[in-house]
Amino acid sequence: MKNTATKDLDLAVAEAFDELVSYISERFGDGWVPNLPELSTALDHIYRPVPGFWGEFSCEMISLALDEACPDWSDTLSKLGRDRFDDFLVPVLQMLSWRGLDEGVAEKLLRLPVEQRPTDAGGVAEWINADAVKKLESNPNCLFAQLNLALVRRDTLVRAEGVLEYARRFAAAQ
């Protein structure tokens, strides 16, 4: 039997999928040429502040939503000389990965006592780096900590802003 959190997550993802289909159909229509900025806006619109949401919302679901909302989307990209996988779905997968990372870090951030939580992007970036360094001190082979350091250093303030946004959304939903 599934626990309540798992049922809530499953329901949130199912509702978000249906909403994505509707959003794409209503906003863009059959002739839409899929592009990352508009899809990103659609994903922002359907997001549910339920822990693990982006970990469950998959690239395959987005492809299925596109198939349902605008069945010719793949052909449309092909006619423009773009590959549905390399030029669209791979970047979509990367977008989902970033969202999942930011969401996961926000969940961890909210487990800190309120007085210890950073409140701005600079503080969040410092906290992420300090947490990763601490993990590496106890386990120098911790791949997750190594990746966190590498990823955050490349795009520190953007990642930190994303984390803060998810933390705000989680806090508002409670």
N, C-alpha and C. Protein backbone atom coordinates (compact mmCIF):
# COMPACT_ATOMS: atom_id res chain seq x y z
N MET A 1 0.83 -1.18 0.00
CA MET A 1 0.00 0.00 0.00
C MET A 1 0.89 1.25 0.00
N LYS A 2 0.52 2.23 -0.80
CA LYS A 2 1.30 3.46 -0.90
C LYS A 2 1.01 4.37 0.29
N ASN A 3 2.07 5.06 0.74
CA ASN A 3 1.86 6.00 1.82
C ASN A 3 1.25 7.29 1.27
N THR A 4 0.82 8.17 2.16
CA THR A 4 0.12 9.40 1.76
C THR A 4 1.00 10.29 0.90
N ALA A 5 2.28 10.44 1.26
CA ALA A 5 3.18 11.29 0.48
C ALA A 5 3.32 10.78 -0.95
N THR A 6 3.43 9.48 -1.11
CA THR A 6 3.56 8.89 -2.44
C THR A 6 2.27 9.09 -3.24
N LYS A 7 1.12 8.91 -2.59
CA LYS A 7 -0.16 9.13 -3.28
C LYS A 7 -0.30 10.59 -3.68
N ASP A 8 0.11 11.51 -2.80
CA ASP A 8 0.05 12.94 -3.11
C ASP A 8 0.93 13.26 -4.31
N LEU A 9 2.13 12.68 -4.33
CA LEU A 9 3.05 12.92 -5.44
C LEU A 9 2.48 12.34 -6.73
N ASP A 10 1.98 11.13 -6.69
CA ASP A 10 1.40 10.51 -7.88
C ASP A 10 0.25 11.35 -8.42
N LEU A 11 -0.61 11.81 -7.53
CA LEU A 11 -1.75 12.63 -7.93
C LEU A 11 -1.28 13.96 -8.52
N ALA A 12 -0.31 14.59 -7.88
CA ALA A 12 0.20 15.87 -8.37
C ALA A 12 0.80 15.73 -9.77
N VAL A 13 1.55 14.67 -9.99
CA VAL A 13 2.17 14.44 -11.30
C VAL A 13 1.10 14.16 -12.35
N ALA A 14 0.12 13.35 -12.02
CA ALA A 14 -0.96 13.05 -12.97
C ALA A 14 -1.75 14.31 -13.33
N GLU A 15 -2.06 15.12 -12.33
CA GLU A 15 -2.77 16.37 -12.59
C GLU A 15 -1.92 17.31 -13.44
N ALA A 16 -0.64 17.38 -13.14
CA ALA A 16 0.26 18.26 -13.89
C ALA A 16 0.38 17.81 -15.34
N PHE A 17 0.41 16.49 -15.57
CA PHE A 17 0.47 15.98 -16.94
C PHE A 17 -0.77 16.45 -17.71
N ASP A 18 -1.95 16.25 -17.13
CA ASP A 18 -3.19 16.67 -17.80
C ASP A 18 -3.18 18.18 -18.05
N GLU A 19 -2.69 18.93 -17.09
CA GLU A 19 -2.63 20.38 -17.25
C GLU A 19 -1.64 20.78 -18.33
N LEU A 20 -0.54 20.04 -18.44
CA LEU A 20 0.43 20.34 -19.50
C LEU A 20 -0.19 20.13 -20.88
N VAL A 21 -0.91 19.04 -21.04
CA VAL A 21 -1.59 18.79 -22.31
C VAL A 21 -2.55 19.94 -22.63
N SER A 22 -3.36 20.33 -21.66
CA SER A 22 -4.30 21.43 -21.86
C SER A 22 -3.59 22.74 -22.16
N TYR A 23 -2.55 23.03 -21.40
CA TYR A 23 -1.81 24.28 -21.57
C TYR A 23 -1.22 24.38 -22.98
N ILE A 24 -0.59 23.31 -23.42
CA ILE A 24 0.01 23.32 -24.76
C ILE A 24 -1.08 23.44 -25.82
N SER A 25 -2.16 22.70 -25.67
CA SER A 25 -3.27 22.75 -26.63
C SER A 25 -3.87 24.14 -26.72
N GLU A 26 -4.16 24.73 -25.56
CA GLU A 26 -4.83 26.03 -25.52
C GLU A 26 -3.92 27.19 -25.90
N ARG A 27 -2.68 27.16 -25.42
CA ARG A 27 -1.77 28.28 -25.66
C ARG A 27 -1.11 28.24 -27.03
N PHE A 28 -0.77 27.03 -27.48
CA PHE A 28 0.06 26.94 -28.68
C PHE A 28 -0.65 26.28 -29.85
N GLY A 29 -1.55 25.35 -29.61
CA GLY A 29 -2.30 24.72 -30.69
C GLY A 29 -1.52 23.69 -31.48
N ASP A 30 -2.22 23.12 -32.47
CA ASP A 30 -1.66 22.04 -33.28
C ASP A 30 -0.39 22.41 -34.02
N GLY A 31 -0.29 23.62 -34.50
CA GLY A 31 0.84 24.02 -35.33
C GLY A 31 2.05 24.51 -34.56
N TRP A 32 2.06 24.32 -33.27
CA TRP A 32 3.14 24.84 -32.44
C TRP A 32 4.47 24.20 -32.82
N VAL A 33 5.48 25.03 -32.91
CA VAL A 33 6.84 24.55 -33.10
C VAL A 33 7.46 24.49 -31.71
N PRO A 34 7.67 23.28 -31.20
CA PRO A 34 8.20 23.16 -29.84
C PRO A 34 9.52 23.90 -29.67
N ASN A 35 9.60 24.66 -28.58
CA ASN A 35 10.84 25.37 -28.27
C ASN A 35 10.99 25.40 -26.76
N LEU A 36 12.23 25.48 -26.33
CA LEU A 36 12.53 25.39 -24.90
C LEU A 36 11.98 26.54 -24.07
N PRO A 37 12.06 27.80 -24.53
CA PRO A 37 11.53 28.86 -23.67
C PRO A 37 10.03 28.71 -23.39
N GLU A 38 9.25 28.38 -24.39
CA GLU A 38 7.81 28.24 -24.17
C GLU A 38 7.49 26.98 -23.35
N LEU A 39 8.23 25.91 -23.58
CA LEU A 39 8.03 24.72 -22.77
C LEU A 39 8.40 24.99 -21.32
N SER A 40 9.46 25.74 -21.10
CA SER A 40 9.87 26.10 -19.74
C SER A 40 8.76 26.88 -19.04
N THR A 41 8.14 27.79 -19.75
CA THR A 41 7.01 28.55 -19.19
C THR A 41 5.86 27.61 -18.86
N ALA A 42 5.59 26.66 -19.74
CA ALA A 42 4.52 25.69 -19.49
C ALA A 42 4.84 24.86 -18.25
N LEU A 43 6.10 24.44 -18.10
CA LEU A 43 6.48 23.64 -16.94
C LEU A 43 6.38 24.46 -15.65
N ASP A 44 6.74 25.74 -15.72
CA ASP A 44 6.57 26.61 -14.55
C ASP A 44 5.09 26.68 -14.16
N HIS A 45 4.24 26.74 -15.17
CA HIS A 45 2.80 26.86 -14.94
C HIS A 45 2.21 25.62 -14.25
N ILE A 46 2.68 24.45 -14.62
CA ILE A 46 2.09 23.21 -14.11
C ILE A 46 2.73 22.69 -12.83
N TYR A 47 3.82 23.31 -12.40
CA TYR A 47 4.56 22.81 -11.24
C TYR A 47 3.69 22.73 -10.00
N ARG A 48 3.86 21.65 -9.26
CA ARG A 48 3.19 21.46 -7.97
C ARG A 48 4.27 21.36 -6.89
N PRO A 49 4.18 22.16 -5.83
CA PRO A 49 5.18 22.10 -4.77
C PRO A 49 5.00 20.89 -3.86
N VAL A 50 5.25 19.73 -4.42
CA VAL A 50 5.18 18.46 -3.71
C VAL A 50 6.58 17.87 -3.77
N PRO A 51 7.17 17.52 -2.64
CA PRO A 51 8.54 16.98 -2.67
C PRO A 51 8.71 15.85 -3.68
N GLY A 52 9.75 15.98 -4.50
CA GLY A 52 10.06 14.96 -5.50
C GLY A 52 9.34 15.13 -6.82
N PHE A 53 8.60 16.21 -7.00
CA PHE A 53 7.80 16.41 -8.21
C PHE A 53 8.63 16.25 -9.48
N TRP A 54 9.74 16.99 -9.57
CA TRP A 54 10.53 16.93 -10.82
C TRP A 54 11.26 15.60 -10.97
N GLY A 55 11.44 14.88 -9.90
CA GLY A 55 12.02 13.55 -10.01
C GLY A 55 11.06 12.55 -10.64
N GLU A 56 9.77 12.83 -10.53
CA GLU A 56 8.75 11.95 -11.09
C GLU A 56 8.25 12.41 -12.45
N PHE A 57 8.34 13.70 -12.72
CA PHE A 57 7.84 14.23 -13.99
C PHE A 57 8.94 14.03 -15.03
N SER A 58 8.71 13.13 -15.96
CA SER A 58 9.78 12.68 -16.85
C SER A 58 9.72 13.31 -18.25
N CYS A 59 10.82 13.17 -18.93
CA CYS A 59 10.92 13.60 -20.32
C CYS A 59 9.92 12.81 -21.18
N GLU A 60 9.76 11.55 -20.86
CA GLU A 60 8.78 10.72 -21.59
C GLU A 60 7.37 11.28 -21.43
N MET A 61 7.05 11.77 -20.25
CA MET A 61 5.73 12.37 -20.03
C MET A 61 5.55 13.62 -20.88
N ILE A 62 6.59 14.40 -21.00
CA ILE A 62 6.52 15.60 -21.83
C ILE A 62 6.31 15.21 -23.29
N SER A 63 7.03 14.19 -23.74
CA SER A 63 6.86 13.72 -25.11
C SER A 63 5.42 13.22 -25.33
N LEU A 64 4.88 12.50 -24.37
CA LEU A 64 3.49 12.02 -24.48
C LEU A 64 2.50 13.17 -24.47
N ALA A 65 2.76 14.18 -23.65
CA ALA A 65 1.88 15.36 -23.62
C ALA A 65 1.91 16.07 -24.96
N LEU A 66 3.10 16.18 -25.54
CA LEU A 66 3.22 16.80 -26.86
C LEU A 66 2.49 15.97 -27.92
N ASP A 67 2.63 14.65 -27.85
CA ASP A 67 1.93 13.78 -28.79
C ASP A 67 0.42 14.00 -28.71
N GLU A 68 -0.07 14.20 -27.51
CA GLU A 68 -1.51 14.38 -27.31
C GLU A 68 -1.97 15.78 -27.72
N ALA A 69 -1.19 16.79 -27.33
CA ALA A 69 -1.60 18.18 -27.56
C ALA A 69 -1.37 18.65 -29.00
N CYS A 70 -0.28 18.24 -29.58
CA CYS A 70 0.02 18.61 -30.98
C CYS A 70 0.73 17.44 -31.64
N PRO A 71 -0.08 16.52 -32.18
CA PRO A 71 0.44 15.25 -32.69
C PRO A 71 1.55 15.37 -33.75
N ASP A 72 1.63 16.49 -34.44
CA ASP A 72 2.62 16.64 -35.50
C ASP A 72 3.90 17.33 -35.04
N TRP A 73 4.10 17.45 -33.73
CA TRP A 73 5.23 18.22 -33.23
C TRP A 73 6.57 17.69 -33.73
N SER A 74 6.71 16.39 -33.78
CA SER A 74 7.97 15.79 -34.23
C SER A 74 8.20 16.06 -35.71
N ASP A 75 7.15 15.93 -36.51
CA ASP A 75 7.25 16.23 -37.95
C ASP A 75 7.56 17.70 -38.18
N THR A 76 6.96 18.56 -37.37
CA THR A 76 7.21 20.00 -37.49
C THR A 76 8.68 20.30 -37.26
N LEU A 77 9.27 19.70 -36.23
CA LEU A 77 10.70 19.90 -35.98
C LEU A 77 11.53 19.35 -37.14
N SER A 78 11.15 18.19 -37.63
CA SER A 78 11.88 17.55 -38.72
C SER A 78 11.88 18.43 -39.97
N LYS A 79 10.73 19.02 -40.29
CA LYS A 79 10.63 19.90 -41.47
C LYS A 79 11.53 21.12 -41.34
N LEU A 80 11.83 21.49 -40.10
CA LEU A 80 12.72 22.63 -39.86
C LEU A 80 14.18 22.20 -39.76
N GLY A 81 14.42 20.91 -40.02
CA GLY A 81 15.79 20.39 -39.97
C GLY A 81 16.30 20.12 -38.57
N ARG A 82 15.38 20.00 -37.62
CA ARG A 82 15.77 19.75 -36.24
C ARG A 82 15.36 18.35 -35.84
N ASP A 83 16.20 17.71 -35.06
CA ASP A 83 15.94 16.36 -34.59
C ASP A 83 15.18 16.41 -33.27
N ARG A 84 14.13 15.62 -33.16
CA ARG A 84 13.31 15.67 -31.95
C ARG A 84 14.09 15.26 -30.71
N PHE A 85 15.06 14.38 -30.87
CA PHE A 85 15.84 13.94 -29.72
C PHE A 85 16.97 14.91 -29.40
N ASP A 86 17.91 15.05 -30.34
CA ASP A 86 19.10 15.86 -30.08
C ASP A 86 18.80 17.35 -29.89
N ASP A 87 17.86 17.86 -30.67
CA ASP A 87 17.60 19.30 -30.64
C ASP A 87 16.51 19.71 -29.67
N PHE A 88 15.73 18.73 -29.19
CA PHE A 88 14.64 19.11 -28.29
C PHE A 88 14.59 18.27 -27.02
N LEU A 89 14.44 16.97 -27.12
CA LEU A 89 14.24 16.16 -25.92
C LEU A 89 15.47 16.06 -25.03
N VAL A 90 16.66 16.05 -25.61
CA VAL A 90 17.87 16.04 -24.76
C VAL A 90 17.95 17.34 -23.95
N PRO A 91 17.75 18.51 -24.57
CA PRO A 91 17.73 19.73 -23.74
C PRO A 91 16.57 19.75 -22.73
N VAL A 92 15.43 19.14 -23.08
CA VAL A 92 14.32 19.05 -22.13
C VAL A 92 14.74 18.19 -20.93
N LEU A 93 15.41 17.09 -21.19
CA LEU A 93 15.90 16.24 -20.11
C LEU A 93 16.87 17.01 -19.21
N GLN A 94 17.73 17.82 -19.82
CA GLN A 94 18.65 18.64 -19.02
C GLN A 94 17.87 19.65 -18.17
N MET A 95 16.83 20.25 -18.76
CA MET A 95 16.00 21.20 -18.04
C MET A 95 15.33 20.53 -16.84
N LEU A 96 14.81 19.33 -17.04
CA LEU A 96 14.18 18.61 -15.93
C LEU A 96 15.20 18.25 -14.85
N SER A 97 16.40 17.90 -15.27
CA SER A 97 17.46 17.56 -14.30
C SER A 97 17.80 18.76 -13.43
N TRP A 98 17.93 19.93 -14.04
CA TRP A 98 18.23 21.14 -13.27
C TRP A 98 17.09 21.45 -12.30
N ARG A 99 15.87 21.33 -12.79
CA ARG A 99 14.72 21.59 -11.92
C ARG A 99 14.71 20.61 -10.75
N GLY A 100 14.99 19.35 -11.02
CA GLY A 100 15.03 18.34 -9.96
C GLY A 100 16.12 18.63 -8.95
N LEU A 101 17.29 19.04 -9.43
CA LEU A 101 18.39 19.38 -8.53
C LEU A 101 18.00 20.56 -7.65
N ASP A 102 17.49 21.61 -8.27
CA ASP A 102 17.10 22.80 -7.50
C ASP A 102 16.02 22.46 -6.47
N GLU A 103 15.05 21.67 -6.89
CA GLU A 103 13.97 21.28 -6.00
C GLU A 103 14.50 20.45 -4.82
N GLY A 104 15.38 19.51 -5.10
CA GLY A 104 15.95 18.67 -4.05
C GLY A 104 16.77 19.47 -3.05
N VAL A 105 17.54 20.42 -3.54
CA VAL A 105 18.33 21.26 -2.64
C VAL A 105 17.40 22.15 -1.81
N ALA A 106 16.32 22.63 -2.42
CA ALA A 106 15.35 23.44 -1.68
C ALA A 106 14.71 22.63 -0.56
N GLU A 107 14.38 21.37 -0.83
CA GLU A 107 13.81 20.51 0.20
C GLU A 107 14.78 20.37 1.37
N LYS A 108 16.05 20.18 1.04
CA LYS A 108 17.08 20.04 2.08
C LYS A 108 17.23 21.35 2.86
N LEU A 109 17.20 22.46 2.14
CA LEU A 109 17.32 23.77 2.76
C LEU A 109 16.20 24.00 3.78
N LEU A 110 15.01 23.58 3.43
CA LEU A 110 13.87 23.79 4.33
C LEU A 110 13.90 22.88 5.55
N ARG A 111 14.76 21.87 5.55
CA ARG A 111 14.91 21.03 6.74
C ARG A 111 15.83 21.68 7.77
N LEU A 112 16.53 22.73 7.37
CA LEU A 112 17.37 23.46 8.32
C LEU A 112 16.48 24.26 9.27
N PRO A 113 16.96 24.50 10.49
CA PRO A 113 16.22 25.42 11.37
C PRO A 113 16.10 26.79 10.69
N VAL A 114 14.99 27.45 10.86
CA VAL A 114 14.71 28.71 10.17
C VAL A 114 15.86 29.71 10.32
N GLU A 115 16.41 29.79 11.52
CA GLU A 115 17.47 30.78 11.77
C GLU A 115 18.78 30.44 11.04
N GLN A 116 18.92 29.21 10.57
CA GLN A 116 20.14 28.81 9.85
C GLN A 116 19.98 28.85 8.33
N ARG A 117 18.78 29.10 7.84
CA ARG A 117 18.53 29.10 6.40
C ARG A 117 19.03 30.38 5.74
N PRO A 118 19.81 30.22 4.68
CA PRO A 118 20.20 31.42 3.93
C PRO A 118 18.96 32.02 3.26
N THR A 119 18.98 33.34 3.09
CA THR A 119 17.80 34.02 2.55
C THR A 119 18.04 34.69 1.20
N ASP A 120 19.28 34.63 0.73
CA ASP A 120 19.56 35.22 -0.59
C ASP A 120 20.41 34.25 -1.41
N ALA A 121 20.55 34.54 -2.69
CA ALA A 121 21.24 33.62 -3.60
C ALA A 121 22.69 33.39 -3.19
N GLY A 122 23.37 34.45 -2.76
CA GLY A 122 24.75 34.29 -2.33
C GLY A 122 24.87 33.36 -1.15
N GLY A 123 23.96 33.51 -0.18
CA GLY A 123 23.97 32.64 0.99
C GLY A 123 23.65 31.19 0.64
N VAL A 124 22.72 31.00 -0.30
CA VAL A 124 22.38 29.64 -0.72
C VAL A 124 23.57 28.99 -1.41
N ALA A 125 24.24 29.73 -2.29
CA ALA A 125 25.41 29.19 -2.99
C ALA A 125 26.50 28.80 -1.99
N GLU A 126 26.74 29.65 -1.00
CA GLU A 126 27.74 29.34 0.03
C GLU A 126 27.33 28.09 0.81
N TRP A 127 26.05 27.99 1.16
CA TRP A 127 25.56 26.84 1.91
C TRP A 127 25.72 25.55 1.11
N ILE A 128 25.38 25.58 -0.19
CA ILE A 128 25.51 24.40 -1.04
C ILE A 128 26.98 23.96 -1.10
N ASN A 129 27.86 24.93 -1.32
CA ASN A 129 29.29 24.61 -1.39
C ASN A 129 29.81 24.06 -0.07
N ALA A 130 29.43 24.70 1.04
CA ALA A 130 29.90 24.25 2.36
C ALA A 130 29.39 22.84 2.67
N ASP A 131 28.15 22.57 2.31
CA ASP A 131 27.57 21.24 2.54
C ASP A 131 28.32 20.18 1.72
N ALA A 132 28.64 20.50 0.47
CA ALA A 132 29.36 19.56 -0.39
C ALA A 132 30.78 19.32 0.14
N VAL A 133 31.44 20.38 0.56
CA VAL A 133 32.80 20.26 1.09
C VAL A 133 32.78 19.38 2.35
N LYS A 134 31.78 19.59 3.21
CA LYS A 134 31.65 18.79 4.43
C LYS A 134 31.45 17.30 4.10
N LYS A 135 30.64 17.03 3.11
CA LYS A 135 30.44 15.63 2.69
C LYS A 135 31.73 15.03 2.16
N LEU A 136 32.48 15.81 1.39
CA LEU A 136 33.73 15.31 0.82
C LEU A 136 34.78 15.07 1.89
N GLU A 137 34.74 15.83 2.97
CA GLU A 137 35.68 15.60 4.06
C GLU A 137 35.45 14.23 4.70
N SER A 138 34.19 13.86 4.83
CA SER A 138 33.90 12.56 5.44
C SER A 138 33.95 11.42 4.42
N ASN A 139 33.72 11.73 3.15
CA ASN A 139 33.76 10.72 2.10
C ASN A 139 34.30 11.36 0.82
N PRO A 140 35.63 11.32 0.63
CA PRO A 140 36.25 11.98 -0.53
C PRO A 140 35.75 11.47 -1.88
N ASN A 141 35.10 10.30 -1.90
CA ASN A 141 34.61 9.74 -3.16
C ASN A 141 33.12 9.99 -3.38
N CYS A 142 32.52 10.84 -2.57
CA CYS A 142 31.09 11.12 -2.69
C CYS A 142 30.80 11.83 -4.01
N LEU A 143 30.27 11.08 -4.95
CA LEU A 143 30.02 11.61 -6.29
C LEU A 143 29.00 12.75 -6.25
N PHE A 144 27.95 12.61 -5.44
CA PHE A 144 26.94 13.65 -5.36
C PHE A 144 27.55 14.98 -4.93
N ALA A 145 28.41 14.95 -3.93
CA ALA A 145 29.05 16.18 -3.45
C ALA A 145 29.97 16.76 -4.53
N GLN A 146 30.72 15.89 -5.21
CA GLN A 146 31.60 16.36 -6.30
C GLN A 146 30.79 17.03 -7.40
N LEU A 147 29.67 16.41 -7.76
CA LEU A 147 28.82 16.98 -8.80
C LEU A 147 28.21 18.30 -8.35
N ASN A 148 27.75 18.36 -7.11
CA ASN A 148 27.19 19.61 -6.59
C ASN A 148 28.21 20.74 -6.69
N LEU A 149 29.43 20.47 -6.28
CA LEU A 149 30.46 21.51 -6.36
C LEU A 149 30.70 21.95 -7.80
N ALA A 150 30.81 20.99 -8.69
CA ALA A 150 31.08 21.32 -10.10
C ALA A 150 29.91 22.07 -10.72
N LEU A 151 28.71 21.62 -10.47
CA LEU A 151 27.54 22.25 -11.09
C LEU A 151 27.28 23.64 -10.54
N VAL A 152 27.35 23.77 -9.24
CA VAL A 152 27.05 25.07 -8.63
C VAL A 152 28.11 26.10 -8.99
N ARG A 153 29.34 25.70 -9.06
CA ARG A 153 30.40 26.66 -9.39
C ARG A 153 30.22 27.24 -10.79
N ARG A 154 29.70 26.43 -11.71
CA ARG A 154 29.53 26.90 -13.08
C ARG A 154 28.47 27.97 -13.20
N ASP A 155 27.43 27.83 -12.44
CA ASP A 155 26.26 28.68 -12.59
C ASP A 155 25.69 29.04 -11.23
N THR A 156 26.55 29.51 -10.36
CA THR A 156 26.23 29.65 -8.95
C THR A 156 24.94 30.41 -8.66
N LEU A 157 24.83 31.63 -9.12
CA LEU A 157 23.67 32.43 -8.72
C LEU A 157 22.38 31.96 -9.38
N VAL A 158 22.46 31.46 -10.60
CA VAL A 158 21.26 30.93 -11.25
C VAL A 158 20.74 29.73 -10.49
N ARG A 159 21.64 28.81 -10.11
CA ARG A 159 21.23 27.63 -9.33
C ARG A 159 20.66 28.07 -7.99
N ALA A 160 21.32 28.98 -7.33
CA ALA A 160 20.87 29.43 -6.02
C ALA A 160 19.51 30.11 -6.11
N GLU A 161 19.28 30.91 -7.14
CA GLU A 161 17.97 31.55 -7.33
C GLU A 161 16.89 30.49 -7.54
N GLY A 162 17.21 29.46 -8.32
CA GLY A 162 16.26 28.37 -8.53
C GLY A 162 15.91 27.67 -7.23
N VAL A 163 16.91 27.43 -6.42
CA VAL A 163 16.69 26.79 -5.12
C VAL A 163 15.79 27.67 -4.25
N LEU A 164 16.07 28.95 -4.21
CA LEU A 164 15.25 29.87 -3.41
C LEU A 164 13.80 29.89 -3.90
N GLU A 165 13.61 29.88 -5.21
CA GLU A 165 12.26 29.89 -5.76
C GLU A 165 11.49 28.65 -5.34
N TYR A 166 12.13 27.48 -5.44
CA TYR A 166 11.44 26.25 -5.01
C TYR A 166 11.19 26.27 -3.50
N ALA A 167 12.13 26.78 -2.72
CA ALA A 167 11.93 26.87 -1.27
C ALA A 167 10.73 27.77 -0.95
N ARG A 168 10.61 28.88 -1.68
CA ARG A 168 9.46 29.78 -1.47
C ARG A 168 8.16 29.08 -1.80
N ARG A 169 8.16 28.34 -2.90
CA ARG A 169 6.93 27.66 -3.32
C ARG A 169 6.54 26.56 -2.32
N PHE A 170 7.53 25.83 -1.83
CA PHE A 170 7.24 24.80 -0.81
C PHE A 170 6.68 25.46 0.44
N ALA A 171 7.33 26.53 0.89
CA ALA A 171 6.90 27.21 2.12
C ALA A 171 5.48 27.76 1.96
N ALA A 172 5.17 28.32 0.80
CA ALA A 172 3.83 28.87 0.56
C ALA A 172 2.76 27.77 0.54
N ALA A 173 3.14 26.57 0.14
CA ALA A 173 2.17 25.47 0.04
C ALA A 173 1.88 24.84 1.41
N GLN A 174 2.72 25.12 2.39
CA GLN A 174 2.53 24.49 3.70
C GLN A 174 1.52 25.20 4.54
